[in-house]
C-alpha atoms as a PDB file:
ATOM      1  CA  MET A   1     -58.169  65.602 -20.177  1.00  0.00           C
ATOM      2  CA  ARG A   2     -59.770  62.266 -19.294  1.00  0.00           C
ATOM      3  CA  LYS A   3     -59.758  61.238 -22.945  1.00  0.00           C
ATOM      4  CA  ILE A   4     -55.983  61.752 -23.126  1.00  0.00           C
ATOM      5  CA  GLY A   5     -55.506  59.584 -20.043  1.00  0.00           C
ATOM      6  CA  ARG A   6     -57.712  56.882 -21.523  1.00  0.00           C
ATOM      7  CA  ILE A   7     -55.764  56.914 -24.796  1.00  0.00           C
ATOM      8  CA  ALA A   8     -52.471  56.778 -22.890  1.00  0.00           C
ATOM      9  CA  ALA A   9     -53.752  53.805 -20.885  1.00  0.00           C
ATOM     10  CA  ALA A  10     -54.868  52.027 -24.081  1.00  0.00           C
ATOM     11  CA  VAL A  11     -51.460  52.613 -25.673  1.00  0.00           C
ATOM     12  CA  GLU A  12     -49.768  51.320 -22.531  1.00  0.00           C
ATOM     13  CA  VAL A  13     -51.893  48.158 -22.532  1.00  0.00           C
ATOM     14  CA  TRP A  14     -51.283  47.653 -26.266  1.00  0.00           C
ATOM     15  CA  SER A  15     -47.506  47.928 -25.936  1.00  0.00           C
ATOM     16  CA  ALA A  16     -47.601  45.664 -22.876  1.00  0.00           C
ATOM     17  CA  TRP A  17     -49.485  42.984 -24.843  1.00  0.00           C
ATOM     18  CA  ARG A  18     -46.763  43.115 -27.477  1.00  0.00           C
ATOM     19  CA  ASP A  19     -44.234  42.299 -24.772  1.00  0.00           C
ATOM     20  CA  PRO A  20     -45.161  39.020 -22.999  1.00  0.00           C
ATOM     21  CA  ILE A  21     -42.442  39.495 -20.385  1.00  0.00           C
ATOM     22  CA  GLU A  22     -43.885  42.859 -19.386  1.00  0.00           C
ATOM     23  CA  VAL A  23     -47.374  41.338 -19.237  1.00  0.00           C
ATOM     24  CA  SER A  24     -46.242  38.518 -16.958  1.00  0.00           C
ATOM     25  CA  VAL A  25     -44.435  41.002 -14.706  1.00  0.00           C
ATOM     26  CA  LEU A  26     -47.589  43.143 -14.500  1.00  0.00           C
ATOM     27  CA  LEU A  27     -49.752  40.088 -13.789  1.00  0.00           C
ATOM     28  CA  PHE A  28     -47.351  38.824 -11.143  1.00  0.00           C
ATOM     29  CA  GLY A  29     -47.175  42.302  -9.586  1.00  0.00           C
ATOM     30  CA  GLY A  30     -50.966  42.517  -9.503  1.00  0.00           C
ATOM     31  CA  TRP A  31     -51.254  39.024  -8.000  1.00  0.00           C
ATOM     32  CA  LEU A  32     -48.618  39.850  -5.400  1.00  0.00           C
ATOM     33  CA  ALA A  33     -50.317  43.149  -4.502  1.00  0.00           C
ATOM     34  CA  ALA A  34     -53.685  41.374  -4.180  1.00  0.00           C
ATOM     35  CA  GLY A  35     -52.138  38.737  -1.913  1.00  0.00           C
ATOM     36  CA  LEU A  36     -50.454  41.350   0.255  1.00  0.00           C
ATOM     37  CA  PHE A  37     -53.669  43.364   0.490  1.00  0.00           C
ATOM     38  CA  ALA A  38     -55.682  40.253   1.421  1.00  0.00           C
ATOM     39  CA  GLY A  39     -53.128  39.347   4.092  1.00  0.00           C
ATOM     40  CA  TRP A  40     -53.147  42.901   5.436  1.00  0.00           C
ATOM     41  CA  ALA A  41     -56.956  43.015   5.504  1.00  0.00           C
ATOM     42  CA  GLY A  42     -57.031  39.592   7.197  1.00  0.00           C
ATOM     43  CA  ALA A  43     -54.573  40.766   9.842  1.00  0.00           C
ATOM     44  CA  ILE A  44     -56.810  43.729  10.711  1.00  0.00           C
ATOM     45  CA  VAL A  45     -59.929  41.550  10.941  1.00  0.00           C
END
């Protein structure tokens, strides 16, 4: 079951790399999520 998930993830990454727009959206989404999480963690502390 894990192997299938790993293959699916690899296929997803491969198709994302073929599409630069999708890659930039994913990177921006990850950067935005990291910024929001850091701000949220900073607000608690």
